[in-house]
Amino acid sequence: MHELSLTEGILRIVASEQKKSGFSRVLEIDLKIGEYSGIVPGCMEEYFPLVSKGTAAEGAKLRMEMLPAAFTCTDCGWSGPIRKHTDRCPHCESTAIRMTAGREFFVENLIVE
């Protein structure tokens, strides 16, 4: 259900940018979503038409790019992706791994007219 509040947040960003730039409508919104962000893109696509109705973003296309997760091992220094549900470094088998990317969520770009 947090996708609803995130979708409303996107529209607040649109309104803020519209106030700054004075565009009349949004054609496309490009989003970046981390693999481990917990966001369900399908839910956002479902909420967007309802929430954007009557705004500059009504009818805009949502483009969502999923960003892969990345990890670093604090024992051996290895960095990269790991298989889901794995809690060990693929290089040294240490459990001292830390996620360095994969929780992101942000508006990358607005295409406006």
PDB file of N, CA and C in Angstrom:
ATOM      1  N   MET A   1       0.815  -1.208   0.000  1.00  0.00           N
ATOM      2  CA  MET A   1       0.000   0.000   0.000  1.00  0.00           C
ATOM      3  C   MET A   1       0.853   1.266   0.000  1.00  0.00           C
ATOM      4  N   HIS A   2       2.140   1.164   0.347  1.00  0.00           N
ATOM      5  CA  HIS A   2       2.970   2.360   0.346  1.00  0.00           C
ATOM      6  C   HIS A   2       3.179   2.903  -1.061  1.00  0.00           C
ATOM      7  N   GLU A   3       2.868   2.110  -2.099  1.00  0.00           N
ATOM      8  CA  GLU A   3       2.976   2.594  -3.467  1.00  0.00           C
ATOM      9  C   GLU A   3       2.039   3.771  -3.716  1.00  0.00           C
ATOM     10  N   LEU A   4       0.895   3.799  -3.026  1.00  0.00           N
ATOM     11  CA  LEU A   4      -0.032   4.918  -3.172  1.00  0.00           C
ATOM     12  C   LEU A   4       0.619   6.212  -2.690  1.00  0.00           C
ATOM     13  N   SER A   5       1.219   6.194  -1.510  1.00  0.00           N
ATOM     14  CA  SER A   5       1.861   7.415  -1.005  1.00  0.00           C
ATOM     15  C   SER A   5       3.079   7.786  -1.847  1.00  0.00           C
ATOM     16  N   LEU A   6       3.786   6.800  -2.378  1.00  0.00           N
ATOM     17  CA  LEU A   6       4.920   7.095  -3.269  1.00  0.00           C
ATOM     18  C   LEU A   6       4.434   7.739  -4.567  1.00  0.00           C
ATOM     19  N   THR A   7       3.325   7.263  -5.085  1.00  0.00           N
ATOM     20  CA  THR A   7       2.748   7.840  -6.303  1.00  0.00           C
ATOM     21  C   THR A   7       2.308   9.277  -6.042  1.00  0.00           C
ATOM     22  N   GLU A   8       1.729   9.520  -4.900  1.00  0.00           N
ATOM     23  CA  GLU A   8       1.355  10.889  -4.527  1.00  0.00           C
ATOM     24  C   GLU A   8       2.598  11.767  -4.397  1.00  0.00           C
ATOM     25  N   GLY A   9       3.689  11.199  -3.893  1.00  0.00           N
ATOM     26  CA  GLY A   9       4.948  11.928  -3.787  1.00  0.00           C
ATOM     27  C   GLY A   9       5.501  12.313  -5.148  1.00  0.00           C
ATOM     28  N   ILE A  10       5.356  11.427  -6.120  1.00  0.00           N
ATOM     29  CA  ILE A  10       5.792  11.738  -7.482  1.00  0.00           C
ATOM     30  C   ILE A  10       5.018  12.950  -8.001  1.00  0.00           C
ATOM     31  N   LEU A  11       3.736  12.987  -7.719  1.00  0.00           N
ATOM     32  CA  LEU A  11       2.927  14.115  -8.182  1.00  0.00           C
ATOM     33  C   LEU A  11       3.279  15.412  -7.460  1.00  0.00           C
ATOM     34  N   ARG A  12       3.728  15.320  -6.224  1.00  0.00           N
ATOM     35  CA  ARG A  12       4.218  16.527  -5.536  1.00  0.00           C
ATOM     36  C   ARG A  12       5.483  17.040  -6.223  1.00  0.00           C
ATOM     37  N   ILE A  13       6.338  16.125  -6.649  1.00  0.00           N
ATOM     38  CA  ILE A  13       7.545  16.517  -7.390  1.00  0.00           C
ATOM     39  C   ILE A  13       7.153  17.182  -8.704  1.00  0.00           C
ATOM     40  N   VAL A  14       6.200  16.595  -9.415  1.00  0.00           N
ATOM     41  CA  VAL A  14       5.718  17.182 -10.668  1.00  0.00           C
ATOM     42  C   VAL A  14       5.195  18.587 -10.428  1.00  0.00           C
ATOM     43  N   ALA A  15       4.376  18.765  -9.405  1.00  0.00           N
ATOM     44  CA  ALA A  15       3.800  20.086  -9.102  1.00  0.00           C
ATOM     45  C   ALA A  15       4.896  21.094  -8.771  1.00  0.00           C
ATOM     46  N   SER A  16       5.887  20.674  -8.017  1.00  0.00           N
ATOM     47  CA  SER A  16       7.000  21.551  -7.665  1.00  0.00           C
ATOM     48  C   SER A  16       7.787  21.966  -8.907  1.00  0.00           C
ATOM     49  N   GLU A  17       8.060  21.008  -9.774  1.00  0.00           N
ATOM     50  CA  GLU A  17       8.800  21.303 -11.009  1.00  0.00           C
ATOM     51  C   GLU A  17       7.965  22.166 -11.956  1.00  0.00           C
ATOM     52  N   GLN A  18       6.669  21.944 -11.982  1.00  0.00           N
ATOM     53  CA  GLN A  18       5.798  22.753 -12.828  1.00  0.00           C
ATOM     54  C   GLN A  18       5.799  24.205 -12.352  1.00  0.00           C
ATOM     55  N   LYS A  19       5.797  24.388 -11.057  1.00  0.00           N
ATOM     56  CA  LYS A  19       5.826  25.743 -10.488  1.00  0.00           C
ATOM     57  C   LYS A  19       7.133  26.447 -10.861  1.00  0.00           C
ATOM     58  N   LYS A  20       8.249  25.716 -10.820  1.00  0.00           N
ATOM     59  CA  LYS A  20       9.559  26.289 -11.160  1.00  0.00           C
ATOM     60  C   LYS A  20       9.700  26.578 -12.651  1.00  0.00           C
ATOM     61  N   SER A  21       9.239  25.625 -13.476  1.00  0.00           N
ATOM     62  CA  SER A  21       9.520  25.690 -14.912  1.00  0.00           C
ATOM     63  C   SER A  21       8.367  26.191 -15.765  1.00  0.00           C
ATOM     64  N   GLY A  22       7.145  26.076 -15.278  1.00  0.00           N
ATOM     65  CA  GLY A  22       5.992  26.580 -15.999  1.00  0.00           C
ATOM     66  C   GLY A  22       5.508  25.721 -17.154  1.00  0.00           C
ATOM     67  N   PHE A  23       5.873  24.448 -17.208  1.00  0.00           N
ATOM     68  CA  PHE A  23       5.375  23.589 -18.286  1.00  0.00           C
ATOM     69  C   PHE A  23       3.884  23.341 -18.105  1.00  0.00           C
ATOM     70  N   SER A  24       3.226  22.960 -19.217  1.00  0.00           N
ATOM     71  CA  SER A  24       1.782  22.761 -19.153  1.00  0.00           C
ATOM     72  C   SER A  24       1.372  21.327 -18.833  1.00  0.00           C
ATOM     73  N   ARG A  25       2.173  20.365 -19.344  1.00  0.00           N
ATOM     74  CA  ARG A  25       1.815  18.985 -19.019  1.00  0.00           C
ATOM     75  C   ARG A  25       3.036  18.085 -19.115  1.00  0.00           C
ATOM     76  N   VAL A  26       2.907  16.942 -18.453  1.00  0.00           N
ATOM     77  CA  VAL A  26       3.970  15.940 -18.424  1.00  0.00           C
ATOM     78  C   VAL A  26       3.596  14.824 -19.392  1.00  0.00           C
ATOM     79  N   LEU A  27       4.545  14.468 -20.244  1.00  0.00           N
ATOM     80  CA  LEU A  27       4.315  13.378 -21.197  1.00  0.00           C
ATOM     81  C   LEU A  27       4.827  12.052 -20.654  1.00  0.00           C
ATOM     82  N   GLU A  28       5.922  12.128 -19.904  1.00  0.00           N
ATOM     83  CA  GLU A  28       6.556  10.902 -19.425  1.00  0.00           C
ATOM     84  C   GLU A  28       7.296  11.171 -18.115  1.00  0.00           C
ATOM     85  N   ILE A  29       7.246  10.195 -17.222  1.00  0.00           N
ATOM     86  CA  ILE A  29       7.976  10.258 -15.951  1.00  0.00           C
ATOM     87  C   ILE A  29       8.870   9.025 -15.893  1.00  0.00           C
ATOM     88  N   ASP A  30      10.178   9.262 -15.798  1.00  0.00           N
ATOM     89  CA  ASP A  30      11.142   8.170 -15.717  1.00  0.00           C
ATOM     90  C   ASP A  30      11.528   7.949 -14.261  1.00  0.00           C
ATOM     91  N   LEU A  31      11.294   6.734 -13.780  1.00  0.00           N
ATOM     92  CA  LEU A  31      11.593   6.373 -12.393  1.00  0.00           C
ATOM     93  C   LEU A  31      12.704   5.342 -12.348  1.00  0.00           C
ATOM     94  N   LYS A  32      13.521   5.410 -11.315  1.00  0.00           N
ATOM     95  CA  LYS A  32      14.531   4.397 -11.024  1.00  0.00           C
ATOM     96  C   LYS A  32      14.124   3.723  -9.724  1.00  0.00           C
ATOM     97  N   ILE A  33      14.078   2.390  -9.755  1.00  0.00           N
ATOM     98  CA  ILE A  33      13.608   1.628  -8.604  1.00  0.00           C
ATOM     99  C   ILE A  33      14.610   0.529  -8.281  1.00  0.00           C
ATOM    100  N   GLY A  34      15.147   0.552  -7.083  1.00  0.00           N
ATOM    101  CA  GLY A  34      16.099  -0.465  -6.656  1.00  0.00           C
ATOM    102  C   GLY A  34      15.440  -1.825  -6.483  1.00  0.00           C
ATOM    103  N   GLU A  35      16.195  -2.841  -6.814  1.00  0.00           N
ATOM    104  CA  GLU A  35      15.722  -4.228  -6.749  1.00  0.00           C
ATOM    105  C   GLU A  35      15.197  -4.610  -5.364  1.00  0.00           C
ATOM    106  N   TYR A  36      15.791  -4.050  -4.307  1.00  0.00           N
ATOM    107  CA  TYR A  36      15.392  -4.362  -2.933  1.00  0.00           C
ATOM    108  C   TYR A  36      14.614  -3.210  -2.279  1.00  0.00           C
ATOM    109  N   SER A  37      14.014  -2.339  -3.071  1.00  0.00           N
ATOM    110  CA  SER A  37      13.290  -1.196  -2.518  1.00  0.00           C
ATOM    111  C   SER A  37      11.954  -1.600  -1.898  1.00  0.00           C
ATOM    112  N   GLY A  38      11.436  -2.754  -2.292  1.00  0.00           N
ATOM    113  CA  GLY A  38      10.137  -3.196  -1.796  1.00  0.00           C
ATOM    114  C   GLY A  38       8.969  -2.612  -2.568  1.00  0.00           C
ATOM    115  N   ILE A  39       9.262  -1.877  -3.639  1.00  0.00           N
ATOM    116  CA  ILE A  39       8.220  -1.243  -4.431  1.00  0.00           C
ATOM    117  C   ILE A  39       7.719  -2.224  -5.494  1.00  0.00           C
ATOM    118  N   VAL A  40       6.404  -2.281  -5.634  1.00  0.00           N
ATOM    119  CA  VAL A  40       5.782  -3.137  -6.642  1.00  0.00           C
ATOM    120  C   VAL A  40       5.364  -2.228  -7.806  1.00  0.00           C
ATOM    121  N   PRO A  41       6.127  -2.252  -8.913  1.00  0.00           N
ATOM    122  CA  PRO A  41       5.818  -1.359 -10.036  1.00  0.00           C
ATOM    123  C   PRO A  41       4.379  -1.477 -10.537  1.00  0.00           C
ATOM    124  N   GLY A  42       3.826  -2.660 -10.569  1.00  0.00           N
ATOM    125  CA  GLY A  42       2.452  -2.840 -11.036  1.00  0.00           C
ATOM    126  C   GLY A  42       1.448  -2.054 -10.216  1.00  0.00           C
ATOM    127  N   CYS A  43       1.686  -1.959  -8.920  1.00  0.00           N
ATOM    128  CA  CYS A  43       0.782  -1.180  -8.055  1.00  0.00           C
ATOM    129  C   CYS A  43       0.865   0.309  -8.392  1.00  0.00           C
ATOM    130  N   MET A  44       2.080   0.791  -8.623  1.00  0.00           N
ATOM    131  CA  MET A  44       2.229   2.206  -8.985  1.00  0.00           C
ATOM    132  C   MET A  44       1.533   2.494 -10.310  1.00  0.00           C
ATOM    133  N   GLU A  45       1.658   1.578 -11.263  1.00  0.00           N
ATOM    134  CA  GLU A  45       0.990   1.753 -12.558  1.00  0.00           C
ATOM    135  C   GLU A  45      -0.523   1.779 -12.390  1.00  0.00           C
ATOM    136  N   GLU A  46      -1.024   1.021 -11.433  1.00  0.00           N
ATOM    137  CA  GLU A  46      -2.458   0.980 -11.172  1.00  0.00           C
ATOM    138  C   GLU A  46      -2.947   2.270 -10.506  1.00  0.00           C
ATOM    139  N   TYR A  47      -2.178   2.784  -9.537  1.00  0.00           N
ATOM    140  CA  TYR A  47      -2.577   3.994  -8.812  1.00  0.00           C
ATOM    141  C   TYR A  47      -2.400   5.270  -9.631  1.00  0.00           C
ATOM    142  N   PHE A  48      -1.410   5.286 -10.501  1.00  0.00           N
ATOM    143  CA  PHE A  48      -1.038   6.530 -11.173  1.00  0.00           C
ATOM    144  C   PHE A  48      -2.196   7.215 -11.903  1.00  0.00           C
ATOM    145  N   PRO A  49      -2.976   6.519 -12.726  1.00  0.00           N
ATOM    146  CA  PRO A  49      -4.078   7.212 -13.414  1.00  0.00           C
ATOM    147  C   PRO A  49      -5.094   7.844 -12.460  1.00  0.00           C
ATOM    148  N   LEU A  50      -5.349   7.186 -11.340  1.00  0.00           N
ATOM    149  CA  LEU A  50      -6.303   7.722 -10.366  1.00  0.00           C
ATOM    150  C   LEU A  50      -5.763   8.959  -9.668  1.00  0.00           C
ATOM    151  N   VAL A  51      -4.515   8.882  -9.242  1.00  0.00           N
ATOM    152  CA  VAL A  51      -3.911   9.964  -8.461  1.00  0.00           C
ATOM    153  C   VAL A  51      -3.568  11.167  -9.339  1.00  0.00           C
ATOM    154  N   SER A  52      -3.231  10.916 -10.601  1.00  0.00           N
ATOM    155  CA  SER A  52      -2.800  12.011 -11.482  1.00  0.00           C
ATOM    156  C   SER A  52      -3.966  12.731 -12.166  1.00  0.00           C
ATOM    157  N   LYS A  53      -5.167  12.195 -12.017  1.00  0.00           N
ATOM    158  CA  LYS A  53      -6.333  12.801 -12.678  1.00  0.00           C
ATOM    159  C   LYS A  53      -6.468  14.274 -12.273  1.00  0.00           C
ATOM    160  N   GLY A  54      -6.579  15.139 -13.291  1.00  0.00           N
ATOM    161  CA  GLY A  54      -6.736  16.569 -13.043  1.00  0.00           C
ATOM    162  C   GLY A  54      -5.432  17.309 -12.800  1.00  0.00           C
ATOM    163  N   THR A  55      -4.294  16.620 -12.914  1.00  0.00           N
ATOM    164  CA  THR A  55      -2.988  17.258 -12.723  1.00  0.00           C
ATOM    165  C   THR A  55      -2.268  17.364 -14.068  1.00  0.00           C
ATOM    166  N   ALA A  56      -1.136  18.035 -14.074  1.00  0.00           N
ATOM    167  CA  ALA A  56      -0.317  18.156 -15.285  1.00  0.00           C
ATOM    168  C   ALA A  56       0.206  16.801 -15.739  1.00  0.00           C
ATOM    169  N   ALA A  57       0.193  15.807 -14.866  1.00  0.00           N
ATOM    170  CA  ALA A  57       0.700  14.475 -15.191  1.00  0.00           C
ATOM    171  C   ALA A  57      -0.389  13.522 -15.686  1.00  0.00           C
ATOM    172  N   GLU A  58      -1.626  13.989 -15.743  1.00  0.00           N
ATOM    173  CA  GLU A  58      -2.691  13.109 -16.224  1.00  0.00           C
ATOM    174  C   GLU A  58      -2.371  12.640 -17.641  1.00  0.00           C
ATOM    175  N   GLY A  59      -2.420  11.333 -17.850  1.00  0.00           N
ATOM    176  CA  GLY A  59      -2.128  10.754 -19.156  1.00  0.00           C
ATOM    177  C   GLY A  59      -0.656  10.516 -19.429  1.00  0.00           C
ATOM    178  N   ALA A  60       0.208  10.910 -18.511  1.00  0.00           N
ATOM    179  CA  ALA A  60       1.652  10.710 -18.707  1.00  0.00           C
ATOM    180  C   ALA A  60       1.989   9.227 -18.643  1.00  0.00           C
ATOM    181  N   LYS A  61       3.058   8.881 -19.308  1.00  0.00           N
ATOM    182  CA  LYS A  61       3.539   7.497 -19.285  1.00  0.00           C
ATOM    183  C   LYS A  61       4.559   7.359 -18.155  1.00  0.00           C
ATOM    184  N   LEU A  62       4.403   6.317 -17.355  1.00  0.00           N
ATOM    185  CA  LEU A  62       5.398   5.993 -16.321  1.00  0.00           C
ATOM    186  C   LEU A  62       6.379   4.993 -16.915  1.00  0.00           C
ATOM    187  N   ARG A  63       7.653   5.347 -16.907  1.00  0.00           N
ATOM    188  CA  ARG A  63       8.693   4.402 -17.326  1.00  0.00           C
ATOM    189  C   ARG A  63       9.505   4.060 -16.087  1.00  0.00           C
ATOM    190  N   MET A  64       9.587   2.785 -15.784  1.00  0.00           N
ATOM    191  CA  MET A  64      10.274   2.341 -14.566  1.00  0.00           C
ATOM    192  C   MET A  64      11.447   1.442 -14.933  1.00  0.00           C
ATOM    193  N   GLU A  65      12.610   1.833 -14.454  1.00  0.00           N
ATOM    194  CA  GLU A  65      13.800   1.015 -14.655  1.00  0.00           C
ATOM    195  C   GLU A  65      14.216   0.432 -13.307  1.00  0.00           C
ATOM    196  N   MET A  66      14.341  -0.875 -13.276  1.00  0.00           N
ATOM    197  CA  MET A  66      14.776  -1.544 -12.053  1.00  0.00           C
ATOM    198  C   MET A  66      16.309  -1.503 -11.981  1.00  0.00           C
ATOM    199  N   LEU A  67      16.822  -1.076 -10.835  1.00  0.00           N
ATOM    200  CA  LEU A  67      18.269  -1.012 -10.617  1.00  0.00           C
ATOM    201  C   LEU A  67      18.705  -2.238  -9.821  1.00  0.00           C
ATOM    202  N   PRO A  68      19.743  -2.923 -10.285  1.00  0.00           N
ATOM    203  CA  PRO A  68      20.191  -4.124  -9.585  1.00  0.00           C
ATOM    204  C   PRO A  68      20.856  -3.788  -8.252  1.00  0.00           C
ATOM    205  N   ALA A  69      20.798  -4.728  -7.360  1.00  0.00           N
ATOM    206  CA  ALA A  69      21.455  -4.578  -6.064  1.00  0.00           C
ATOM    207  C   ALA A  69      22.947  -4.876  -6.223  1.00  0.00           C
ATOM    208  N   ALA A  70      23.737  -4.258  -5.368  1.00  0.00           N
ATOM    209  CA  ALA A  70      25.173  -4.518  -5.325  1.00  0.00           C
ATOM    210  C   ALA A  70      25.582  -4.631  -3.864  1.00  0.00           C
ATOM    211  N   PHE A  71      26.605  -5.406  -3.617  1.00  0.00           N
ATOM    212  CA  PHE A  71      27.058  -5.680  -2.258  1.00  0.00           C
ATOM    213  C   PHE A  71      28.578  -5.559  -2.180  1.00  0.00           C
ATOM    214  N   THR A  72      29.074  -5.324  -0.982  1.00  0.00           N
ATOM    215  CA  THR A  72      30.511  -5.300  -0.711  1.00  0.00           C
ATOM    216  C   THR A  72      30.774  -6.177   0.501  1.00  0.00           C
ATOM    217  N   CYS A  73      31.856  -6.955   0.423  1.00  0.00           N
ATOM    218  CA  CYS A  73      32.285  -7.766   1.555  1.00  0.00           C
ATOM    219  C   CYS A  73      33.291  -6.945   2.347  1.00  0.00           C
ATOM    220  N   THR A  74      33.007  -6.732   3.619  1.00  0.00           N
ATOM    221  CA  THR A  74      33.917  -5.934   4.438  1.00  0.00           C
ATOM    222  C   THR A  74      35.141  -6.730   4.883  1.00  0.00           C
ATOM    223  N   ASP A  75      35.140  -8.044   4.672  1.00  0.00           N
ATOM    224  CA  ASP A  75      36.312  -8.858   5.017  1.00  0.00           C
ATOM    225  C   ASP A  75      37.336  -8.901   3.889  1.00  0.00           C
ATOM    226  N   CYS A  76      36.889  -9.216   2.666  1.00  0.00           N
ATOM    227  CA  CYS A  76      37.859  -9.372   1.575  1.00  0.00           C
ATOM    228  C   CYS A  76      37.838  -8.237   0.561  1.00  0.00           C
ATOM    229  N   GLY A  77      36.826  -7.349   0.633  1.00  0.00           N
ATOM    230  CA  GLY A  77      36.760  -6.216  -0.282  1.00  0.00           C
ATOM    231  C   GLY A  77      36.041  -6.490  -1.588  1.00  0.00           C
ATOM    232  N   TRP A  78      35.550  -7.720  -1.791  1.00  0.00           N
ATOM    233  CA  TRP A  78      34.824  -8.045  -3.017  1.00  0.00           C
ATOM    234  C   TRP A  78      33.592  -7.165  -3.146  1.00  0.00           C
ATOM    235  N   SER A  79      33.242  -6.780  -4.389  1.00  0.00           N
ATOM    236  CA  SER A  79      32.031  -6.005  -4.664  1.00  0.00           C
ATOM    237  C   SER A  79      31.329  -6.579  -5.873  1.00  0.00           C
ATOM    238  N   GLY A  80      30.003  -6.577  -5.826  1.00  0.00           N
ATOM    239  CA  GLY A  80      29.221  -7.030  -6.971  1.00  0.00           C
ATOM    240  C   GLY A  80      27.877  -7.552  -6.543  1.00  0.00           C
ATOM    241  N   PRO A  81      27.173  -8.186  -7.478  1.00  0.00           N
ATOM    242  CA  PRO A  81      25.859  -8.749  -7.158  1.00  0.00           C
ATOM    243  C   PRO A  81      26.001 -10.119  -6.506  1.00  0.00           C
ATOM    244  N   ILE A  82      24.975 -10.503  -5.760  1.00  0.00           N
ATOM    245  CA  ILE A  82      24.922 -11.863  -5.221  1.00  0.00           C
ATOM    246  C   ILE A  82      23.544 -12.437  -5.522  1.00  0.00           C
ATOM    247  N   ARG A  83      23.448 -13.746  -5.498  1.00  0.00           N
ATOM    248  CA  ARG A  83      22.155 -14.380  -5.718  1.00  0.00           C
ATOM    249  C   ARG A  83      21.207 -13.995  -4.594  1.00  0.00           C
ATOM    250  N   LYS A  84      19.947 -13.841  -4.946  1.00  0.00           N
ATOM    251  CA  LYS A  84      18.942 -13.528  -3.918  1.00  0.00           C
ATOM    252  C   LYS A  84      18.926 -14.623  -2.861  1.00  0.00           C
ATOM    253  N   HIS A  85      18.638 -14.207  -1.648  1.00  0.00           N
ATOM    254  CA  HIS A  85      18.533 -15.094  -0.485  1.00  0.00           C
ATOM    255  C   HIS A  85      19.889 -15.719  -0.113  1.00  0.00           C
ATOM    256  N   THR A  86      20.969 -15.087  -0.541  1.00  0.00           N
ATOM    257  CA  THR A  86      22.304 -15.521  -0.161  1.00  0.00           C
ATOM    258  C   THR A  86      22.832 -14.521   0.856  1.00  0.00           C
ATOM    259  N   ASP A  87      23.462 -14.995   1.899  1.00  0.00           N
ATOM    260  CA  ASP A  87      23.981 -14.084   2.912  1.00  0.00           C
ATOM    261  C   ASP A  87      25.490 -14.201   3.073  1.00  0.00           C
ATOM    262  N   ARG A  88      26.152 -14.693   2.032  1.00  0.00           N
ATOM    263  CA  ARG A  88      27.609 -14.883   2.097  1.00  0.00           C
ATOM    264  C   ARG A  88      28.283 -14.287   0.870  1.00  0.00           C
ATOM    265  N   CYS A  89      29.499 -13.855   1.083  1.00  0.00           N
ATOM    266  CA  CYS A  89      30.327 -13.354  -0.004  1.00  0.00           C
ATOM    267  C   CYS A  89      30.647 -14.514  -0.953  1.00  0.00           C
ATOM    268  N   PRO A  90      30.445 -14.329  -2.264  1.00  0.00           N
ATOM    269  CA  PRO A  90      30.745 -15.417  -3.197  1.00  0.00           C
ATOM    270  C   PRO A  90      32.251 -15.654  -3.369  1.00  0.00           C
ATOM    271  N   HIS A  91      33.059 -14.738  -2.872  1.00  0.00           N
ATOM    272  CA  HIS A  91      34.515 -14.870  -3.002  1.00  0.00           C
ATOM    273  C   HIS A  91      35.141 -15.570  -1.798  1.00  0.00           C
ATOM    274  N   CYS A  92      34.794 -15.121  -0.573  1.00  0.00           N
ATOM    275  CA  CYS A  92      35.454 -15.661   0.629  1.00  0.00           C
ATOM    276  C   CYS A  92      34.504 -16.374   1.593  1.00  0.00           C
ATOM    277  N   GLU A  93      33.188 -16.386   1.279  1.00  0.00           N
ATOM    278  CA  GLU A  93      32.165 -17.031   2.116  1.00  0.00           C
ATOM    279  C   GLU A  93      31.880 -16.303   3.431  1.00  0.00           C
ATOM    280  N   SER A  94      32.410 -15.103   3.599  1.00  0.00           N
ATOM    281  CA  SER A  94      32.138 -14.320   4.806  1.00  0.00           C
ATOM    282  C   SER A  94      30.678 -13.875   4.829  1.00  0.00           C
ATOM    283  N   THR A  95      30.146 -13.695   6.017  1.00  0.00           N
ATOM    284  CA  THR A  95      28.795 -13.136   6.156  1.00  0.00           C
ATOM    285  C   THR A  95      28.843 -11.618   6.368  1.00  0.00           C
ATOM    286  N   ALA A  96      30.015 -11.049   6.291  1.00  0.00           N
ATOM    287  CA  ALA A  96      30.195  -9.606   6.512  1.00  0.00           C
ATOM    288  C   ALA A  96      29.973  -8.845   5.203  1.00  0.00           C
ATOM    289  N   ILE A  97      28.783  -8.997   4.637  1.00  0.00           N
ATOM    290  CA  ILE A  97      28.473  -8.284   3.405  1.00  0.00           C
ATOM    291  C   ILE A  97      27.527  -7.131   3.709  1.00  0.00           C
ATOM    292  N   ARG A  98      27.631  -6.105   2.889  1.00  0.00           N
ATOM    293  CA  ARG A  98      26.836  -4.892   3.082  1.00  0.00           C
ATOM    294  C   ARG A  98      26.263  -4.477   1.724  1.00  0.00           C
ATOM    295  N   MET A  99      24.983  -4.147   1.701  1.00  0.00           N
ATOM    296  CA  MET A  99      24.354  -3.689   0.461  1.00  0.00           C
ATOM    297  C   MET A  99      24.789  -2.260   0.174  1.00  0.00           C
ATOM    298  N   THR A 100      25.273  -2.023  -1.030  1.00  0.00           N
ATOM    299  CA  THR A 100      25.708  -0.680  -1.428  1.00  0.00           C
ATOM    300  C   THR A 100      24.785  -0.052  -2.466  1.00  0.00           C
ATOM    301  N   ALA A 101      23.928  -0.829  -3.074  1.00  0.00           N
ATOM    302  CA  ALA A 101      22.945  -0.317  -4.032  1.00  0.00           C
ATOM    303  C   ALA A 101      21.781  -1.305  -4.077  1.00  0.00           C
ATOM    304  N   GLY A 102      20.604  -0.783  -4.400  1.00  0.00           N
ATOM    305  CA  GLY A 102      19.446  -1.659  -4.548  1.00  0.00           C
ATOM    306  C   GLY A 102      18.206  -1.204  -3.817  1.00  0.00           C
ATOM    307  N   ARG A 103      18.318  -0.146  -3.013  1.00  0.00           N
ATOM    308  CA  ARG A 103      17.137   0.354  -2.286  1.00  0.00           C
ATOM    309  C   ARG A 103      16.639   1.693  -2.844  1.00  0.00           C
ATOM    310  N   GLU A 104      17.220   2.127  -3.939  1.00  0.00           N
ATOM    311  CA  GLU A 104      16.901   3.444  -4.484  1.00  0.00           C
ATOM    312  C   GLU A 104      15.463   3.546  -4.971  1.00  0.00           C
ATOM    313  N   PHE A 105      14.973   4.768  -4.962  1.00  0.00           N
ATOM    314  CA  PHE A 105      13.713   5.114  -5.612  1.00  0.00           C
ATOM    315  C   PHE A 105      13.749   6.611  -5.862  1.00  0.00           C
ATOM    316  N   PHE A 106      13.739   7.007  -7.139  1.00  0.00           N
ATOM    317  CA  PHE A 106      13.763   8.438  -7.438  1.00  0.00           C
ATOM    318  C   PHE A 106      13.242   8.706  -8.845  1.00  0.00           C
ATOM    319  N   VAL A 107      12.814   9.959  -9.041  1.00  0.00           N
ATOM    320  CA  VAL A 107      12.398  10.435 -10.352  1.00  0.00           C
ATOM    321  C   VAL A 107      13.677  10.851 -11.066  1.00  0.00           C
ATOM    322  N   GLU A 108      13.963  10.168 -12.162  1.00  0.00           N
ATOM    323  CA  GLU A 108      15.172  10.448 -12.953  1.00  0.00           C
ATOM    324  C   GLU A 108      14.956  11.606 -13.919  1.00  0.00           C
ATOM    325  N   ASN A 109      13.754  11.656 -14.520  1.00  0.00           N
ATOM    326  CA  ASN A 109      13.534  12.617 -15.595  1.00  0.00           C
ATOM    327  C   ASN A 109      12.041  12.842 -15.802  1.00  0.00           C
ATOM    328  N   LEU A 110      11.709  14.056 -16.199  1.00  0.00           N
ATOM    329  CA  LEU A 110      10.351  14.378 -16.632  1.00  0.00           C
ATOM    330  C   LEU A 110      10.429  14.873 -18.074  1.00  0.00           C
ATOM    331  N   ILE A 111       9.598  14.320 -18.935  1.00  0.00           N
ATOM    332  CA  ILE A 111       9.471  14.821 -20.301  1.00  0.00           C
ATOM    333  C   ILE A 111       8.199  15.650 -20.318  1.00  0.00           C
ATOM    334  N   VAL A 112       8.332  16.919 -20.636  1.00  0.00           N
ATOM    335  CA  VAL A 112       7.201  17.850 -20.512  1.00  0.00           C
ATOM    336  C   VAL A 112       6.994  18.630 -21.798  1.00  0.00           C
ATOM    337  N   GLU A 113       5.878  19.308 -21.868  1.00  0.00           N
ATOM    338  CA  GLU A 113       5.635  20.249 -22.972  1.00  0.00           C
ATOM    339  C   GLU A 113       5.007  21.517 -22.429  1.00  0.00           C
TER     340      GLU A 113
END
